[in-house]
Amino acid sequence: MEKDLLELQTLIDVHFEQRKKEEEELIALKERIERRRSERAEQQREERQRKEDEEAKKRADDEAKKKKVLSNMGAHFGGFLAKAEQRRGKRQTGREIKRKTLAERRTPLAIDNMREDGLKQRAQEMWNWIYQLESEKFDFMDQMKKQKYEIVVLLNRISHAQKFKKGHGKGKVGGRWK
């Protein structure tokens, strides 16, 4: 009986040792599964982020293409659109037009993280740009003055020519000049 008891005790100890090893393996397996699950979730997040970045870049490229096409179309079609807007009754004041144009043209300075030499260079670039714009403005004003003068001269020639032509024409016949 003691022998059986000793054998039973040995079997119980072996069983509990085996069970302890199996529990440790089970815990290690659960940890590996959890680690793999978190790695997979991180991979999926990175993949999702990469896809979102690609989509955002694609959208930005599409927007840039649309703006380019619209600006090209606007260069040829802009006068018509402006007239169409006026006919619809949507009129903007000069101040609103100026504000809208400046909002479209204005670019951010991005000078927060610049050093002194970078700021000097940026200021020089902006001064050159302003200088170029002022010179273009001067050229356009000069061109406009010349065109106004030519219009006045041509209108004077037309009125002078009409003074002499009125009395010497064939006259009005059937509602049309012949």
C-alpha atoms as a PDB file:
ATOM      1  CA  MET A   1       0.000   0.000   0.000  1.00  0.00           C
ATOM      2  CA  GLU A   2       2.863   2.311   0.773  1.00  0.00           C
ATOM      3  CA  LYS A   3       4.376   1.407  -2.550  1.00  0.00           C
ATOM      4  CA  ASP A   4       1.122   2.251  -4.297  1.00  0.00           C
ATOM      5  CA  LEU A   5       0.896   5.474  -2.360  1.00  0.00           C
ATOM      6  CA  LEU A   6       4.444   6.378  -3.317  1.00  0.00           C
ATOM      7  CA  GLU A   7       3.746   5.501  -6.932  1.00  0.00           C
ATOM      8  CA  LEU A   8       0.558   7.543  -6.853  1.00  0.00           C
ATOM      9  CA  GLN A   9       2.409  10.449  -5.294  1.00  0.00           C
ATOM     10  CA  THR A  10       5.049  10.201  -8.038  1.00  0.00           C
ATOM     11  CA  LEU A  11       2.370  10.140 -10.723  1.00  0.00           C
ATOM     12  CA  ILE A  12       0.693  13.182  -9.186  1.00  0.00           C
ATOM     13  CA  ASP A  13       4.023  15.061  -9.072  1.00  0.00           C
ATOM     14  CA  VAL A  14       4.768  14.129 -12.700  1.00  0.00           C
ATOM     15  CA  HIS A  15       1.282  15.185 -13.697  1.00  0.00           C
ATOM     16  CA  PHE A  16       1.600  18.561 -11.957  1.00  0.00           C
ATOM     17  CA  GLU A  17       5.104  19.078 -13.479  1.00  0.00           C
ATOM     18  CA  GLN A  18       3.705  18.280 -16.918  1.00  0.00           C
ATOM     19  CA  ARG A  19       0.760  20.575 -16.330  1.00  0.00           C
ATOM     20  CA  LYS A  20       3.064  23.400 -15.175  1.00  0.00           C
ATOM     21  CA  LYS A  21       5.182  23.029 -18.358  1.00  0.00           C
ATOM     22  CA  GLU A  22       2.040  23.015 -20.523  1.00  0.00           C
ATOM     23  CA  GLU A  23       0.746  26.156 -18.784  1.00  0.00           C
ATOM     24  CA  GLU A  24       4.099  27.888 -19.357  1.00  0.00           C
ATOM     25  CA  GLU A  25       4.007  26.887 -23.035  1.00  0.00           C
ATOM     26  CA  LEU A  26       0.419  28.104 -23.245  1.00  0.00           C
ATOM     27  CA  ILE A  27       1.383  31.473 -21.696  1.00  0.00           C
ATOM     28  CA  ALA A  28       4.371  31.774 -24.077  1.00  0.00           C
ATOM     29  CA  LEU A  29       2.095  30.911 -27.008  1.00  0.00           C
ATOM     30  CA  LYS A  30      -0.482  33.502 -25.906  1.00  0.00           C
ATOM     31  CA  GLU A  31       2.291  36.122 -25.622  1.00  0.00           C
ATOM     32  CA  ARG A  32       3.567  35.274 -29.113  1.00  0.00           C
ATOM     33  CA  ILE A  33       0.030  35.475 -30.479  1.00  0.00           C
ATOM     34  CA  GLU A  34      -0.531  38.850 -28.786  1.00  0.00           C
ATOM     35  CA  ARG A  35       2.861  40.156 -29.991  1.00  0.00           C
ATOM     36  CA  ARG A  36       2.102  38.997 -33.546  1.00  0.00           C
ATOM     37  CA  ARG A  37      -1.352  40.557 -33.341  1.00  0.00           C
ATOM     38  CA  SER A  38       0.102  43.925 -32.259  1.00  0.00           C
ATOM     39  CA  GLU A  39       2.796  43.730 -34.986  1.00  0.00           C
ATOM     40  CA  ARG A  40       0.111  43.004 -37.578  1.00  0.00           C
ATOM     41  CA  ALA A  41      -2.024  45.876 -36.297  1.00  0.00           C
ATOM     42  CA  GLU A  42       1.006  48.200 -36.551  1.00  0.00           C
ATOM     43  CA  GLN A  43       1.682  46.976 -40.093  1.00  0.00           C
ATOM     44  CA  GLN A  44      -1.940  47.568 -41.021  1.00  0.00           C
ATOM     45  CA  ARG A  45      -1.796  51.095 -39.527  1.00  0.00           C
ATOM     46  CA  GLU A  46       1.378  51.853 -41.482  1.00  0.00           C
ATOM     47  CA  GLU A  47      -0.155  50.440 -44.647  1.00  0.00           C
ATOM     48  CA  ARG A  48      -3.330  52.477 -44.099  1.00  0.00           C
ATOM     49  CA  GLN A  49      -1.257  55.624 -43.435  1.00  0.00           C
ATOM     50  CA  ARG A  50       0.818  55.013 -46.578  1.00  0.00           C
ATOM     51  CA  LYS A  51      -2.353  54.548 -48.652  1.00  0.00           C
ATOM     52  CA  GLU A  52      -3.889  57.703 -47.171  1.00  0.00           C
ATOM     53  CA  ASP A  53      -0.690  59.637 -47.945  1.00  0.00           C
ATOM     54  CA  GLU A  54      -0.705  58.316 -51.503  1.00  0.00           C
ATOM     55  CA  GLU A  55      -4.369  59.242 -51.901  1.00  0.00           C
ATOM     56  CA  ALA A  56      -3.735  62.707 -50.474  1.00  0.00           C
ATOM     57  CA  LYS A  57      -0.813  63.185 -52.850  1.00  0.00           C
ATOM     58  CA  LYS A  58      -2.945  61.951 -55.749  1.00  0.00           C
ATOM     59  CA  ARG A  59      -5.761  64.321 -54.756  1.00  0.00           C
ATOM     60  CA  ALA A  60      -3.299  67.203 -54.493  1.00  0.00           C
ATOM     61  CA  ASP A  61      -1.906  66.371 -57.938  1.00  0.00           C
ATOM     62  CA  ASP A  62      -5.431  66.175 -59.350  1.00  0.00           C
ATOM     63  CA  GLU A  63      -6.298  69.523 -57.748  1.00  0.00           C
ATOM     64  CA  ALA A  64      -3.141  71.066 -59.198  1.00  0.00           C
ATOM     65  CA  LYS A  65      -4.037  69.699 -62.639  1.00  0.00           C
ATOM     66  CA  LYS A  66      -7.591  71.032 -62.310  1.00  0.00           C
ATOM     67  CA  LYS A  67      -6.326  74.454 -61.254  1.00  0.00           C
ATOM     68  CA  LYS A  68      -3.880  74.492 -64.153  1.00  0.00           C
ATOM     69  CA  VAL A  69      -6.582  73.511 -66.630  1.00  0.00           C
ATOM     70  CA  LEU A  70      -9.012  76.032 -65.150  1.00  0.00           C
ATOM     71  CA  SER A  71      -6.406  78.786 -65.173  1.00  0.00           C
ATOM     72  CA  ASN A  72      -5.558  78.014 -68.803  1.00  0.00           C
ATOM     73  CA  MET A  73      -9.239  77.938 -69.615  1.00  0.00           C
ATOM     74  CA  GLY A  74      -9.755  81.065 -67.567  1.00  0.00           C
ATOM     75  CA  ALA A  75      -7.088  82.886 -69.541  1.00  0.00           C
ATOM     76  CA  HIS A  76      -9.181  82.406 -72.687  1.00  0.00           C
ATOM     77  CA  PHE A  77     -12.587  82.172 -71.121  1.00  0.00           C
ATOM     78  CA  GLY A  78     -12.226  84.608 -68.208  1.00  0.00           C
ATOM     79  CA  GLY A  79     -13.668  87.649 -69.987  1.00  0.00           C
ATOM     80  CA  PHE A  80     -16.801  85.734 -70.880  1.00  0.00           C
ATOM     81  CA  LEU A  81     -17.228  84.449 -67.321  1.00  0.00           C
ATOM     82  CA  ALA A  82     -16.815  87.931 -65.873  1.00  0.00           C
ATOM     83  CA  LYS A  83     -19.477  89.283 -68.236  1.00  0.00           C
ATOM     84  CA  ALA A  84     -21.784  86.372 -67.447  1.00  0.00           C
ATOM     85  CA  GLU A  85     -21.437  87.043 -63.710  1.00  0.00           C
ATOM     86  CA  GLN A  86     -22.269  90.700 -64.244  1.00  0.00           C
ATOM     87  CA  ARG A  87     -25.374  89.787 -66.210  1.00  0.00           C
ATOM     88  CA  ARG A  88     -26.554  87.546 -63.411  1.00  0.00           C
ATOM     89  CA  GLY A  89     -26.394  90.497 -61.094  1.00  0.00           C
ATOM     90  CA  LYS A  90     -23.532  89.236 -58.946  1.00  0.00           C
ATOM     91  CA  ARG A  91     -21.392  92.322 -58.745  1.00  0.00           C
ATOM     92  CA  GLN A  92     -18.409  92.699 -56.512  1.00  0.00           C
ATOM     93  CA  THR A  93     -16.995  95.941 -55.299  1.00  0.00           C
ATOM     94  CA  GLY A  94     -13.418  96.852 -56.132  1.00  0.00           C
ATOM     95  CA  ARG A  95     -12.375  96.149 -52.574  1.00  0.00           C
ATOM     96  CA  GLU A  96     -13.881  92.626 -52.671  1.00  0.00           C
ATOM     97  CA  ILE A  97     -12.194  91.865 -55.983  1.00  0.00           C
ATOM     98  CA  LYS A  98      -8.874  93.103 -54.645  1.00  0.00           C
ATOM     99  CA  ARG A  99      -9.241  91.078 -51.436  1.00  0.00           C
ATOM    100  CA  LYS A 100     -10.146  87.926 -53.390  1.00  0.00           C
ATOM    101  CA  THR A 101      -7.232  88.363 -55.795  1.00  0.00           C
ATOM    102  CA  LEU A 102      -4.763  88.967 -52.973  1.00  0.00           C
ATOM    103  CA  ALA A 103      -6.044  85.909 -51.108  1.00  0.00           C
ATOM    104  CA  GLU A 104      -5.447  83.772 -54.216  1.00  0.00           C
ATOM    105  CA  ARG A 105      -1.969  85.179 -54.906  1.00  0.00           C
ATOM    106  CA  ARG A 106      -0.652  85.443 -51.354  1.00  0.00           C
ATOM    107  CA  THR A 107       1.706  82.685 -50.288  1.00  0.00           C
ATOM    108  CA  PRO A 108       2.713  82.036 -46.694  1.00  0.00           C
ATOM    109  CA  LEU A 109       6.086  83.496 -45.706  1.00  0.00           C
ATOM    110  CA  ALA A 110       7.322  80.392 -43.843  1.00  0.00           C
ATOM    111  CA  ILE A 111       9.964  82.365 -41.951  1.00  0.00           C
ATOM    112  CA  ASP A 112       9.423  80.885 -38.498  1.00  0.00           C
ATOM    113  CA  ASN A 113      12.460  78.616 -38.516  1.00  0.00           C
ATOM    114  CA  MET A 114      14.796  80.750 -40.654  1.00  0.00           C
ATOM    115  CA  ARG A 115      18.097  82.146 -39.554  1.00  0.00           C
ATOM    116  CA  GLU A 116      19.315  85.676 -40.219  1.00  0.00           C
ATOM    117  CA  ASP A 117      20.949  84.912 -43.576  1.00  0.00           C
ATOM    118  CA  GLY A 118      17.814  83.033 -44.716  1.00  0.00           C
ATOM    119  CA  LEU A 119      15.645  85.980 -43.688  1.00  0.00           C
ATOM    120  CA  LYS A 120      17.909  88.397 -45.580  1.00  0.00           C
ATOM    121  CA  GLN A 121      17.712  86.222 -48.673  1.00  0.00           C
ATOM    122  CA  ARG A 122      13.902  85.977 -48.389  1.00  0.00           C
ATOM    123  CA  ALA A 123      13.644  89.762 -47.968  1.00  0.00           C
ATOM    124  CA  GLN A 124      15.852  90.254 -51.053  1.00  0.00           C
ATOM    125  CA  GLU A 125      13.653  87.865 -53.069  1.00  0.00           C
ATOM    126  CA  MET A 126      10.528  89.746 -52.005  1.00  0.00           C
ATOM    127  CA  TRP A 127      12.136  93.110 -52.816  1.00  0.00           C
ATOM    128  CA  ASN A 128      13.116  91.837 -56.284  1.00  0.00           C
ATOM    129  CA  TRP A 129       9.574  90.614 -56.821  1.00  0.00           C
ATOM    130  CA  ILE A 130       8.085  93.965 -55.769  1.00  0.00           C
ATOM    131  CA  TYR A 131      10.598  95.768 -58.011  1.00  0.00           C
ATOM    132  CA  GLN A 132       9.557  93.584 -60.951  1.00  0.00           C
ATOM    133  CA  LEU A 133       5.856  94.196 -60.278  1.00  0.00           C
ATOM    134  CA  GLU A 134       6.379  97.959 -60.020  1.00  0.00           C
ATOM    135  CA  SER A 135       8.309  98.007 -63.309  1.00  0.00           C
ATOM    136  CA  GLU A 136       5.546  95.994 -65.001  1.00  0.00           C
ATOM    137  CA  LYS A 137       2.974  98.404 -63.564  1.00  0.00           C
ATOM    138  CA  PHE A 138       4.923 101.364 -64.922  1.00  0.00           C
ATOM    139  CA  ASP A 139       5.163  99.748 -68.367  1.00  0.00           C
ATOM    140  CA  PHE A 140       1.433  99.001 -68.399  1.00  0.00           C
ATOM    141  CA  MET A 141       0.552 102.541 -67.310  1.00  0.00           C
ATOM    142  CA  ASP A 142       2.772 103.953 -70.058  1.00  0.00           C
ATOM    143  CA  GLN A 143       1.192 101.629 -72.604  1.00  0.00           C
ATOM    144  CA  MET A 144      -2.286 102.641 -71.411  1.00  0.00           C
ATOM    145  CA  LYS A 145      -1.449 106.360 -71.786  1.00  0.00           C
ATOM    146  CA  LYS A 146      -0.267 105.768 -75.345  1.00  0.00           C
ATOM    147  CA  GLN A 147      -3.391 103.794 -76.199  1.00  0.00           C
ATOM    148  CA  LYS A 148      -5.650 106.490 -74.717  1.00  0.00           C
ATOM    149  CA  TYR A 149      -3.838 109.113 -76.787  1.00  0.00           C
ATOM    150  CA  GLU A 150      -4.255 107.000 -79.951  1.00  0.00           C
ATOM    151  CA  ILE A 151      -7.987 106.581 -79.192  1.00  0.00           C
ATOM    152  CA  VAL A 152      -8.426 110.340 -78.794  1.00  0.00           C
ATOM    153  CA  VAL A 153      -6.547 111.001 -82.048  1.00  0.00           C
ATOM    154  CA  LEU A 154      -8.600 108.402 -83.925  1.00  0.00           C
ATOM    155  CA  LEU A 155     -11.891 109.717 -82.499  1.00  0.00           C
ATOM    156  CA  ASN A 156     -10.903 113.238 -83.603  1.00  0.00           C
ATOM    157  CA  ARG A 157     -10.108 111.969 -87.102  1.00  0.00           C
ATOM    158  CA  ILE A 158     -13.453 110.160 -87.259  1.00  0.00           C
ATOM    159  CA  SER A 159     -15.431 113.199 -86.111  1.00  0.00           C
ATOM    160  CA  HIS A 160     -13.479 115.456 -88.493  1.00  0.00           C
ATOM    161  CA  ALA A 161     -14.099 113.061 -91.419  1.00  0.00           C
ATOM    162  CA  GLN A 162     -17.803 112.800 -90.604  1.00  0.00           C
ATOM    163  CA  LYS A 163     -18.215 116.586 -90.602  1.00  0.00           C
ATOM    164  CA  PHE A 164     -17.188 116.807 -94.222  1.00  0.00           C
ATOM    165  CA  LYS A 165     -18.902 113.635 -95.372  1.00  0.00           C
ATOM    166  CA  LYS A 166     -22.421 114.392 -94.069  1.00  0.00           C
ATOM    167  CA  GLY A 167     -23.337 117.032 -96.603  1.00  0.00           C
ATOM    168  CA  HIS A 168     -21.831 115.362 -99.641  1.00  0.00           C
ATOM    169  CA  GLY A 169     -23.298 111.846 -99.408  1.00  0.00           C
ATOM    170  CA  LYS A 170     -26.065 110.421-101.564  1.00  0.00           C
ATOM    171  CA  GLY A 171     -28.529 110.821 -98.755  1.00  0.00           C
ATOM    172  CA  LYS A 172     -30.849 108.534 -96.927  1.00  0.00           C
ATOM    173  CA  VAL A 173     -32.768 106.176 -99.193  1.00  0.00           C
ATOM    174  CA  GLY A 174     -35.053 103.442 -97.895  1.00  0.00           C
ATOM    175  CA  GLY A 175     -33.671 103.661 -94.405  1.00  0.00           C
ATOM    176  CA  ARG A 176     -30.111 102.788 -95.450  1.00  0.00           C
ATOM    177  CA  TRP A 177     -27.059 104.798 -96.402  1.00  0.00           C
ATOM    178  CA  LYS A 178     -25.796 104.021 -99.872  1.00  0.00           C
END
